[in-house]
Amino acid sequence: MEKAIIVDNVKKKYKLYNNSKERFLDLLTPKEYGEEFYALAGVDFEADQGEVIGFIGINGSGKSTLSNIIAGIVPETSGAVKTNGQVSIIAVAAGLKGDLTGRDNIELKLLMLGFNKHEIMELENEIIEFSELGNFIDQPVKSYSSGMKSRLGFAISVTVDPDILIIDEALSVGDKAFAEKSLEKMKEFKAEGKTMIFVSHSVGQMKRFCDKLLWLEYGMIKDFGSVEDVMPKYEKFLNTWKLMNKAEREKYRTEALEIQKNILKGSKLEYKIDVNDYYTERNNTVYKEELISLLARIKMANANLYDHPEKNNVVDSVVKHYKKVLYVKKQGILNSEKFYLLSTEPSAVNGVLGWIKAKDVKVHRHVFVDNDVRTFKFKGTGRAYNKPWGGENDIVLTTLDAFEGNEFEVVQTDLVGKNIWYKGLLQNKYVWINYKHFNNV
């Protein structure tokens, strides 16, 4: 079978500097400054035409670096990558210009890909329709949420019909309905025999969609093979990794990087290291974790954020987040005590702050309703917030008295608890307002 991607002994080296002065001196003087860091340390793999390869691994394992090298965005330090056909990468905000509108970004991207004006006009409406961005398409991309950026990037990439498609965490943000729609589109591509690289923290999506898995860890290949063969090992690893404390993880990382150094020096060592050798079983505890979607406000300014419920290591105080609205993306129950994973963004990957005891927060369920555009009139009461169910520190306008009778165009509707919240543009800023403060037009 014809090879779509060949990655041959690819290495990617970066330099880590303590400050900008070191970076400057490293460029101008013969003395070496900064510490060498290898994001990839000799990666080899091949993808056949029509295969879907999933990249898995903990944060910092090199998944995005390898994706960007295959896509031609980042150059490799050494080794070689060969691709057979046009490659398109979808990542949150990848290739999007923040000061341009969504429509301008579509036209710019298509021009860069060699489409003429007539072809761009034909594709533009199709891209906008798939993205479901509505009137947001004519707003600057810098005003978009991470989910909206992902929608636009995905819509552009799938519409230009690439030979090789790379999806890097693009389905981890935004609403579930769009993620399902995107997966259906990817299934169409798979049926057409297109080659895909899929990077995701979602084990479920990997199982549903991928043919093979490439497990990366600290820039090295830990395993490569069928989903049926690799995923059970990875899930077992993750279960142990979540239970490890900071010292155990650091010991594991130090040993792994020592192996990496020997491999880079030309050693024939294979990267075989067992996480269980670094984990010490503690008291018998029962811990369960699940994905949820809630909004939260912290009750007390002296509450603590923890690295993980089972470790109970305090990583930060909540003072700077007090009286703000935060997102709850996971729920953990340790024995009988409930914890929530807090994030500043609607994502379990980006903006994560840490775990908090459930008793220290007030929560409401949070559900995306739709992006349907509609218009209401202000009653002249209420406040405007930068998040639905906004807290004291999320207030944009303390009163809406001056807008009584004015029209407000709604571009997104969310349900918080039993209350409906509308998002729209007010004084050149997107704000959230409770439905009680409008009259229907």
Protein backbone atom coordinates (compact mmCIF):
# COMPACT_ATOMS: atom_id res chain seq x y z
CA MET A 1 0.00 0.00 0.00
CA GLU A 2 1.22 3.51 -0.83
CA LYS A 3 2.68 5.47 2.08
CA ALA A 4 0.97 8.80 2.83
CA ILE A 5 3.38 9.89 5.59
CA ILE A 6 6.93 8.78 6.32
CA VAL A 7 8.62 10.19 9.45
CA ASP A 8 12.30 9.20 9.54
CA ASN A 9 14.33 9.73 12.74
CA VAL A 10 12.87 13.18 13.37
CA LYS A 11 14.37 15.28 16.15
CA LYS A 12 13.29 18.73 17.29
CA LYS A 13 15.54 20.74 19.56
CA TYR A 14 14.67 23.95 21.39
CA LYS A 15 16.67 26.09 23.75
CA LEU A 16 15.29 27.15 27.10
CA TYR A 17 16.55 30.48 28.46
CA ASN A 18 16.20 31.96 31.93
CA ASN A 19 15.69 35.45 30.50
CA SER A 20 15.83 37.49 27.27
CA LYS A 21 19.43 38.52 27.99
CA GLU A 22 20.60 34.90 27.72
CA ARG A 23 18.76 34.53 24.40
CA PHE A 24 20.44 37.67 23.07
CA LEU A 25 23.94 36.63 24.21
CA ASP A 26 23.48 33.15 22.72
CA LEU A 27 22.90 34.74 19.32
CA LEU A 28 25.83 37.19 19.48
CA THR A 29 28.60 35.44 21.39
CA PRO A 30 30.48 32.16 20.87
CA LYS A 31 29.64 31.05 24.41
CA GLU A 32 26.64 28.73 24.70
CA TYR A 33 23.70 30.02 26.72
CA GLY A 34 20.43 28.30 27.56
CA GLU A 35 19.55 24.66 28.12
CA GLU A 36 18.90 22.29 25.22
CA PHE A 37 15.49 20.65 25.23
CA TYR A 38 14.40 17.96 22.77
CA ALA A 39 10.66 17.97 22.11
CA LEU A 40 11.25 14.99 19.78
CA ALA A 41 14.16 12.58 20.10
CA GLY A 42 14.30 10.41 16.99
CA VAL A 43 10.72 9.58 16.03
CA ASP A 44 10.05 7.03 13.27
CA PHE A 45 6.67 5.96 11.93
CA GLU A 46 4.76 5.49 8.67
CA ALA A 47 1.10 5.95 7.78
CA ASP A 48 -0.47 4.12 4.87
CA GLN A 49 -2.86 5.85 2.49
CA GLY A 50 -6.29 6.06 4.15
CA GLU A 51 -5.14 5.27 7.71
CA VAL A 52 -6.23 7.30 10.72
CA ILE A 53 -3.39 7.57 13.23
CA GLY A 54 -4.10 8.86 16.75
CA PHE A 55 -1.35 10.63 18.69
CA ILE A 56 -1.67 9.99 22.43
CA GLY A 57 0.44 10.92 25.45
CA ILE A 58 0.46 13.17 28.49
CA ASN A 59 0.99 16.93 28.11
CA GLY A 60 4.48 17.77 26.88
CA SER A 61 4.99 14.44 25.13
CA GLY A 62 5.56 16.01 21.68
CA LYS A 63 2.20 15.36 19.98
CA SER A 64 1.60 18.92 18.75
CA THR A 65 5.26 19.39 17.81
CA LEU A 66 5.17 16.28 15.61
CA SER A 67 1.82 17.38 14.10
CA ASN A 68 3.22 20.80 13.20
CA ILE A 69 6.34 19.28 11.64
CA ILE A 70 4.26 16.92 9.48
CA ALA A 71 2.09 19.89 8.44
CA GLY A 72 5.18 21.89 7.45
CA ILE A 73 4.52 24.66 10.01
CA VAL A 74 7.58 23.89 12.15
CA PRO A 75 10.89 22.63 10.70
CA GLU A 76 12.54 19.56 12.14
CA THR A 77 16.05 19.94 13.60
CA SER A 78 17.17 16.70 11.92
CA GLY A 79 15.63 13.71 10.22
CA ALA A 80 13.09 13.85 7.40
CA VAL A 81 9.34 13.93 6.81
CA LYS A 82 7.76 12.92 3.50
CA THR A 83 4.06 13.47 2.78
CA ASN A 84 2.16 12.34 -0.29
CA GLY A 85 -0.35 15.09 -1.08
CA GLN A 86 -1.66 18.39 0.33
CA VAL A 87 -1.63 18.59 4.13
CA SER A 88 -4.06 20.66 6.20
CA ILE A 89 -3.88 21.10 9.97
CA ILE A 90 -6.74 22.05 12.27
CA ALA A 91 -5.81 23.39 15.68
CA VAL A 92 -7.43 26.08 17.81
CA ALA A 93 -6.56 29.43 16.16
CA ALA A 94 -3.91 27.81 13.94
CA GLY A 95 -3.22 30.15 11.02
CA LEU A 96 -5.99 32.61 11.96
CA LYS A 97 -5.26 36.35 12.09
CA GLY A 98 -6.88 37.90 15.15
CA ASP A 99 -7.36 41.39 13.72
CA LEU A 100 -9.16 40.09 10.62
CA THR A 101 -12.78 38.99 10.55
CA GLY A 102 -13.74 35.35 10.08
CA ARG A 103 -14.71 36.09 6.48
CA ASP A 104 -11.37 37.82 5.80
CA ASN A 105 -9.52 34.83 7.28
CA ILE A 106 -11.39 32.47 4.97
CA GLU A 107 -10.44 34.52 1.91
CA LEU A 108 -6.81 34.89 3.02
CA LYS A 109 -6.41 31.18 3.72
CA LEU A 110 -7.93 30.20 0.37
CA LEU A 111 -5.74 32.69 -1.49
CA MET A 112 -2.66 31.21 0.20
CA LEU A 113 -3.79 27.76 -0.93
CA GLY A 114 -3.95 28.95 -4.54
CA PHE A 115 -7.70 29.33 -5.06
CA ASN A 116 -8.86 32.07 -7.46
CA LYS A 117 -11.58 34.68 -6.74
CA HIS A 118 -14.34 32.67 -8.40
CA GLU A 119 -13.43 29.50 -6.45
CA ILE A 120 -13.25 31.47 -3.20
CA MET A 121 -16.74 32.88 -3.75
CA GLU A 122 -18.08 29.37 -4.30
CA LEU A 123 -16.41 27.95 -1.19
CA GLU A 124 -16.99 30.87 1.19
CA ASN A 125 -20.70 30.28 1.85
CA GLU A 126 -20.11 26.55 2.29
CA ILE A 127 -17.42 27.24 4.90
CA ILE A 128 -19.56 29.78 6.78
CA GLU A 129 -22.52 27.42 6.80
CA PHE A 130 -20.46 24.52 8.12
CA SER A 131 -18.87 26.70 10.85
CA GLU A 132 -22.31 27.76 12.18
CA LEU A 133 -20.82 31.13 13.18
CA GLY A 134 -23.72 33.21 11.83
CA ASN A 135 -23.17 36.97 12.20
CA PHE A 136 -19.93 36.34 14.07
CA ILE A 137 -18.28 35.66 10.70
CA ASP A 138 -17.93 39.42 10.19
CA GLN A 139 -16.44 40.06 13.63
CA PRO A 140 -12.67 40.07 14.37
CA VAL A 141 -11.36 36.61 15.21
CA LYS A 142 -9.70 38.00 18.36
CA SER A 143 -13.22 38.35 19.80
CA TYR A 144 -13.98 34.64 19.21
CA SER A 145 -14.01 32.02 21.92
CA SER A 146 -11.61 29.08 21.54
CA GLY A 147 -14.55 26.94 20.38
CA MET A 148 -15.50 29.45 17.67
CA LYS A 149 -11.91 29.60 16.40
CA SER A 150 -11.88 25.84 16.23
CA ARG A 151 -15.16 25.84 14.26
CA LEU A 152 -13.76 28.27 11.71
CA GLY A 153 -10.45 26.42 11.34
CA PHE A 154 -12.21 23.09 10.98
CA ALA A 155 -14.70 24.44 8.42
CA ILE A 156 -11.93 25.91 6.25
CA SER A 157 -9.75 22.81 6.40
CA VAL A 158 -12.42 20.24 5.55
CA THR A 159 -13.93 22.35 2.77
CA VAL A 160 -10.65 22.73 0.84
CA ASP A 161 -10.55 18.90 0.66
CA PRO A 162 -6.92 18.08 1.63
CA ASP A 163 -5.24 14.73 1.00
CA ILE A 164 -3.90 14.54 4.57
CA LEU A 165 -5.81 16.07 7.47
CA ILE A 166 -4.28 16.73 10.91
CA ILE A 167 -6.70 17.49 13.76
CA ASP A 168 -4.85 18.74 16.85
CA GLU A 169 -7.18 19.05 19.87
CA ALA A 170 -9.63 20.98 17.66
CA LEU A 171 -12.61 18.99 18.96
CA SER A 172 -11.77 19.45 22.65
CA VAL A 173 -13.34 22.92 22.72
CA GLY A 174 -16.81 24.13 21.81
CA ASP A 175 -20.11 22.31 22.06
CA LYS A 176 -20.74 18.58 21.79
CA ALA A 177 -23.09 18.93 18.81
CA PHE A 178 -20.40 20.53 16.64
CA ALA A 179 -17.85 17.93 17.74
CA GLU A 180 -20.23 15.18 16.61
CA LYS A 181 -20.82 16.97 13.29
CA SER A 182 -17.05 17.27 12.81
CA LEU A 183 -16.53 13.59 13.57
CA GLU A 184 -19.15 12.71 10.97
CA LYS A 185 -17.26 14.82 8.41
CA MET A 186 -14.05 13.05 9.35
CA LYS A 187 -15.80 9.70 8.85
CA GLU A 188 -16.70 10.85 5.32
CA PHE A 189 -13.04 11.64 4.68
CA LYS A 190 -12.06 8.25 6.07
CA ALA A 191 -14.54 6.54 3.72
CA GLU A 192 -12.98 8.48 0.83
CA GLY A 193 -9.57 7.03 1.71
CA LYS A 194 -7.99 10.19 3.09
CA THR A 195 -5.16 9.94 5.62
CA MET A 196 -5.64 11.60 8.99
CA ILE A 197 -3.66 12.37 12.12
CA PHE A 198 -5.90 12.80 15.16
CA VAL A 199 -4.58 14.38 18.38
CA SER A 200 -6.98 14.30 21.31
CA HIS A 201 -7.20 13.66 25.04
CA SER A 202 -10.53 11.94 24.47
CA VAL A 203 -10.03 8.20 24.79
CA GLY A 204 -13.58 7.65 23.53
CA GLN A 205 -12.98 9.60 20.31
CA MET A 206 -9.73 7.72 19.72
CA LYS A 207 -11.44 4.35 20.10
CA ARG A 208 -14.29 5.35 17.77
CA PHE A 209 -12.22 6.84 15.01
CA CYS A 210 -8.58 5.69 14.82
CA ASP A 211 -7.00 2.66 13.16
CA LYS A 212 -3.63 2.93 14.93
CA LEU A 213 -2.17 4.82 17.89
CA LEU A 214 1.26 6.44 18.25
CA TRP A 215 2.01 6.82 21.95
CA LEU A 216 4.55 9.56 22.58
CA GLU A 217 6.25 10.29 25.87
CA TYR A 218 8.92 12.96 26.42
CA GLY A 219 9.62 13.08 22.69
CA MET A 220 10.07 9.31 22.32
CA ILE A 221 7.83 6.55 20.98
CA LYS A 222 6.50 4.43 23.82
CA ASP A 223 4.29 2.28 21.59
CA PHE A 224 2.84 2.14 18.08
CA GLY A 225 0.21 -0.26 16.85
CA SER A 226 -3.48 -0.99 16.57
CA VAL A 227 -5.99 0.74 18.84
CA GLU A 228 -6.97 -2.63 20.30
CA ASP A 229 -3.33 -3.32 21.26
CA VAL A 230 -2.13 0.12 22.45
CA MET A 231 -5.17 1.72 24.10
CA PRO A 232 -5.55 -0.75 27.02
CA LYS A 233 -1.89 -0.15 27.94
CA TYR A 234 -2.34 3.61 27.70
CA GLU A 235 -5.51 3.59 29.84
CA LYS A 236 -3.70 1.51 32.47
CA PHE A 237 -0.84 4.02 32.39
CA LEU A 238 -3.24 6.97 32.80
CA ASN A 239 -4.95 5.37 35.78
CA THR A 240 -1.61 5.06 37.55
CA TRP A 241 -0.36 8.49 36.40
CA LYS A 242 -3.41 10.22 37.92
CA LEU A 243 -2.67 8.63 41.31
CA MET A 244 1.01 9.63 41.39
CA ASN A 245 2.12 12.56 43.52
CA LYS A 246 4.42 15.34 42.31
CA ALA A 247 7.61 13.65 43.55
CA GLU A 248 6.73 10.34 41.87
CA ARG A 249 5.99 12.06 38.55
CA GLU A 250 9.24 14.02 38.73
CA LYS A 251 11.23 10.84 39.41
CA TYR A 252 9.57 9.14 36.43
CA ARG A 253 10.28 12.16 34.19
CA THR A 254 13.94 12.37 35.29
CA GLU A 255 14.49 8.71 34.45
CA ALA A 256 12.75 9.12 31.08
CA LEU A 257 14.89 12.14 30.14
CA GLU A 258 18.03 10.21 31.10
CA ILE A 259 17.01 7.50 28.63
CA GLN A 260 16.32 10.23 26.06
CA LYS A 261 19.89 11.59 26.48
CA ASN A 262 21.38 8.14 25.87
CA ILE A 263 19.23 7.61 22.78
CA LEU A 264 20.31 11.02 21.41
CA LYS A 265 23.94 10.02 21.96
CA GLY A 266 23.39 7.04 19.66
CA SER A 267 22.48 4.34 22.17
CA LYS A 268 20.31 1.53 20.81
CA LEU A 269 18.17 1.62 23.97
CA GLU A 270 14.45 1.26 23.40
CA TYR A 271 12.19 3.48 25.45
CA LYS A 272 10.80 0.87 27.82
CA ILE A 273 9.89 2.33 31.21
CA ASP A 274 7.04 1.21 33.48
CA VAL A 275 5.14 3.91 35.36
CA ASN A 276 4.13 1.39 38.04
CA ASP A 277 7.75 1.15 39.15
CA TYR A 278 7.55 4.79 40.31
CA TYR A 279 4.17 4.73 42.01
CA THR A 280 3.79 3.83 45.68
CA GLU A 281 0.34 2.57 46.59
CA ARG A 282 -1.17 4.55 49.44
CA ASN A 283 -4.09 3.94 51.76
CA ASN A 284 -7.02 2.13 50.21
CA THR A 285 -9.18 4.85 48.71
CA VAL A 286 -12.07 4.88 46.28
CA TYR A 287 -11.78 7.58 43.63
CA LYS A 288 -14.16 8.18 40.71
CA GLU A 289 -13.92 10.90 38.06
CA GLU A 290 -16.27 12.05 35.28
CA LEU A 291 -16.67 14.88 32.76
CA ILE A 292 -19.36 17.44 33.59
CA SER A 293 -20.34 20.96 32.51
CA LEU A 294 -21.11 23.45 35.28
CA LEU A 295 -20.51 27.10 36.07
CA ALA A 296 -19.11 27.92 39.50
CA ARG A 297 -18.55 30.83 41.83
CA ILE A 298 -16.13 30.42 44.73
CA LYS A 299 -17.80 31.01 48.11
CA MET A 300 -14.74 31.92 50.18
CA ALA A 301 -11.60 33.86 49.28
CA ASN A 302 -9.48 31.61 51.53
CA ALA A 303 -10.40 28.36 49.74
CA ASN A 304 -7.61 26.27 48.19
CA LEU A 305 -6.92 24.79 44.76
CA TYR A 306 -5.43 21.30 44.70
CA ASP A 307 -3.26 19.48 42.15
CA HIS A 308 -5.53 16.43 42.42
CA PRO A 309 -8.13 15.24 44.95
CA GLU A 310 -6.04 12.19 45.93
CA LYS A 311 -2.86 14.15 46.50
CA ASN A 312 -4.37 17.06 48.42
CA ASN A 313 -1.38 19.22 47.40
CA VAL A 314 -2.33 22.92 47.52
CA VAL A 315 -1.21 24.52 44.24
CA ASP A 316 -2.76 27.98 44.60
CA SER A 317 -5.22 30.15 46.49
CA VAL A 318 -8.43 31.31 44.86
CA VAL A 319 -8.15 35.00 45.84
CA LYS A 320 -7.64 36.31 42.27
CA HIS A 321 -10.57 34.20 41.02
CA TYR A 322 -12.93 35.06 43.87
CA LYS A 323 -16.28 36.58 42.76
CA LYS A 324 -15.67 35.50 39.13
CA VAL A 325 -17.51 32.85 37.17
CA LEU A 326 -15.42 29.77 36.36
CA TYR A 327 -16.09 26.58 34.42
CA VAL A 328 -16.29 23.16 36.04
CA LYS A 329 -15.14 20.49 33.58
CA LYS A 330 -14.65 17.41 35.78
CA GLN A 331 -16.04 15.99 38.99
CA GLY A 332 -13.99 13.76 41.25
CA ILE A 333 -15.28 11.87 44.28
CA LEU A 334 -12.67 10.70 46.78
CA ASN A 335 -14.35 8.27 49.16
CA SER A 336 -17.42 10.40 49.91
CA GLU A 337 -15.97 13.90 49.34
CA LYS A 338 -16.72 15.71 46.07
CA PHE A 339 -14.18 17.86 44.15
CA TYR A 340 -14.51 19.99 41.00
CA LEU A 341 -11.86 20.75 38.36
CA LEU A 342 -11.99 24.52 37.72
CA SER A 343 -11.02 26.26 34.48
CA THR A 344 -11.09 29.86 33.24
CA GLU A 345 -12.16 28.57 29.81
CA PRO A 346 -14.90 26.15 28.68
CA SER A 347 -12.28 23.43 28.26
CA ALA A 348 -10.82 20.61 30.35
CA VAL A 349 -7.46 21.21 28.63
CA ASN A 350 -6.97 24.99 28.35
CA GLY A 351 -7.18 27.40 31.29
CA VAL A 352 -7.24 24.71 33.99
CA LEU A 353 -6.65 26.12 37.50
CA GLY A 354 -6.91 23.04 39.69
CA TRP A 355 -9.31 21.07 41.88
CA ILE A 356 -11.48 22.62 44.60
CA LYS A 357 -13.66 21.04 47.25
CA ALA A 358 -17.30 21.14 46.16
CA LYS A 359 -18.36 22.66 49.48
CA ASP A 360 -16.29 25.77 48.62
CA VAL A 361 -18.22 26.65 45.45
CA LYS A 362 -21.75 27.41 44.32
CA VAL A 363 -22.55 25.73 40.99
CA HIS A 364 -25.20 25.67 38.26
CA ARG A 365 -25.44 23.37 35.26
CA HIS A 366 -24.33 25.05 32.04
CA VAL A 367 -25.78 24.04 28.66
CA PHE A 368 -25.15 25.56 25.23
CA VAL A 369 -28.54 26.08 23.57
CA ASP A 370 -27.94 27.54 20.11
CA ASN A 371 -26.32 30.19 17.93
CA ASP A 372 -29.63 31.29 16.41
CA VAL A 373 -29.77 35.04 15.77
CA ARG A 374 -32.76 36.89 17.21
CA THR A 375 -33.54 40.44 18.41
CA PHE A 376 -35.02 41.68 21.69
CA LYS A 377 -35.66 45.09 23.27
CA PHE A 378 -34.15 46.21 26.56
CA LYS A 379 -36.47 46.79 29.51
CA GLY A 380 -33.91 49.19 31.00
CA THR A 381 -33.09 46.97 33.97
CA GLY A 382 -30.26 44.63 34.92
CA ARG A 383 -26.54 44.37 34.33
CA ALA A 384 -24.24 43.14 31.55
CA TYR A 385 -21.55 40.53 32.28
CA ASN A 386 -18.61 39.09 30.36
CA LYS A 387 -19.81 35.54 31.20
CA PRO A 388 -23.26 34.00 31.65
CA TRP A 389 -24.31 34.15 35.33
CA GLY A 390 -21.41 36.58 35.79
CA GLY A 391 -19.99 37.30 39.22
CA GLU A 392 -19.12 40.64 40.78
CA ASN A 393 -15.77 40.75 38.97
CA ASP A 394 -17.42 39.84 35.64
CA ILE A 395 -19.63 42.96 35.45
CA VAL A 396 -19.19 44.97 32.22
CA LEU A 397 -22.04 47.45 32.82
CA THR A 398 -23.60 47.94 36.26
CA THR A 399 -26.86 49.26 34.80
CA LEU A 400 -28.76 48.98 31.52
CA ASP A 401 -31.09 51.93 32.24
CA ALA A 402 -29.75 54.00 29.33
CA PHE A 403 -30.62 51.26 26.80
CA GLU A 404 -34.35 51.04 27.57
CA GLY A 405 -36.25 50.39 24.32
CA ASN A 406 -33.06 49.77 22.29
CA GLU A 407 -32.68 46.57 20.27
CA PHE A 408 -30.17 43.86 21.23
CA GLU A 409 -29.16 41.22 18.68
CA VAL A 410 -28.60 37.85 20.32
CA VAL A 411 -25.93 35.59 18.75
CA GLN A 412 -25.71 32.83 21.36
CA THR A 413 -28.07 31.39 23.94
CA ASP A 414 -26.98 29.39 27.01
CA LEU A 415 -28.92 27.84 29.86
CA VAL A 416 -27.49 28.33 33.36
CA GLY A 417 -29.50 26.38 35.92
CA LYS A 418 -33.08 27.36 35.04
CA ASN A 419 -32.16 30.78 33.64
CA ILE A 420 -31.61 31.71 29.99
CA TRP A 421 -28.67 33.98 29.16
CA TYR A 422 -28.18 35.84 25.87
CA LYS A 423 -24.89 36.91 24.30
CA GLY A 424 -24.65 39.93 22.00
CA LEU A 425 -22.69 43.03 21.04
CA LEU A 426 -23.12 46.08 23.27
CA GLN A 427 -20.87 49.14 22.98
CA ASN A 428 -18.44 47.14 20.77
CA LYS A 429 -18.06 44.38 23.36
CA TYR A 430 -19.71 40.97 23.58
CA VAL A 431 -21.65 40.67 26.83
CA TRP A 432 -24.09 38.29 28.53
CA ILE A 433 -27.49 39.49 29.82
CA ASN A 434 -30.24 37.56 31.62
CA TYR A 435 -33.42 37.00 29.64
CA LYS A 436 -35.51 38.77 32.33
CA HIS A 437 -34.19 42.15 31.17
CA PHE A 438 -35.70 41.98 27.63
CA ASN A 439 -39.04 42.31 25.89
CA ASN A 440 -39.63 40.33 22.69
CA VAL A 441 -39.66 42.41 19.48
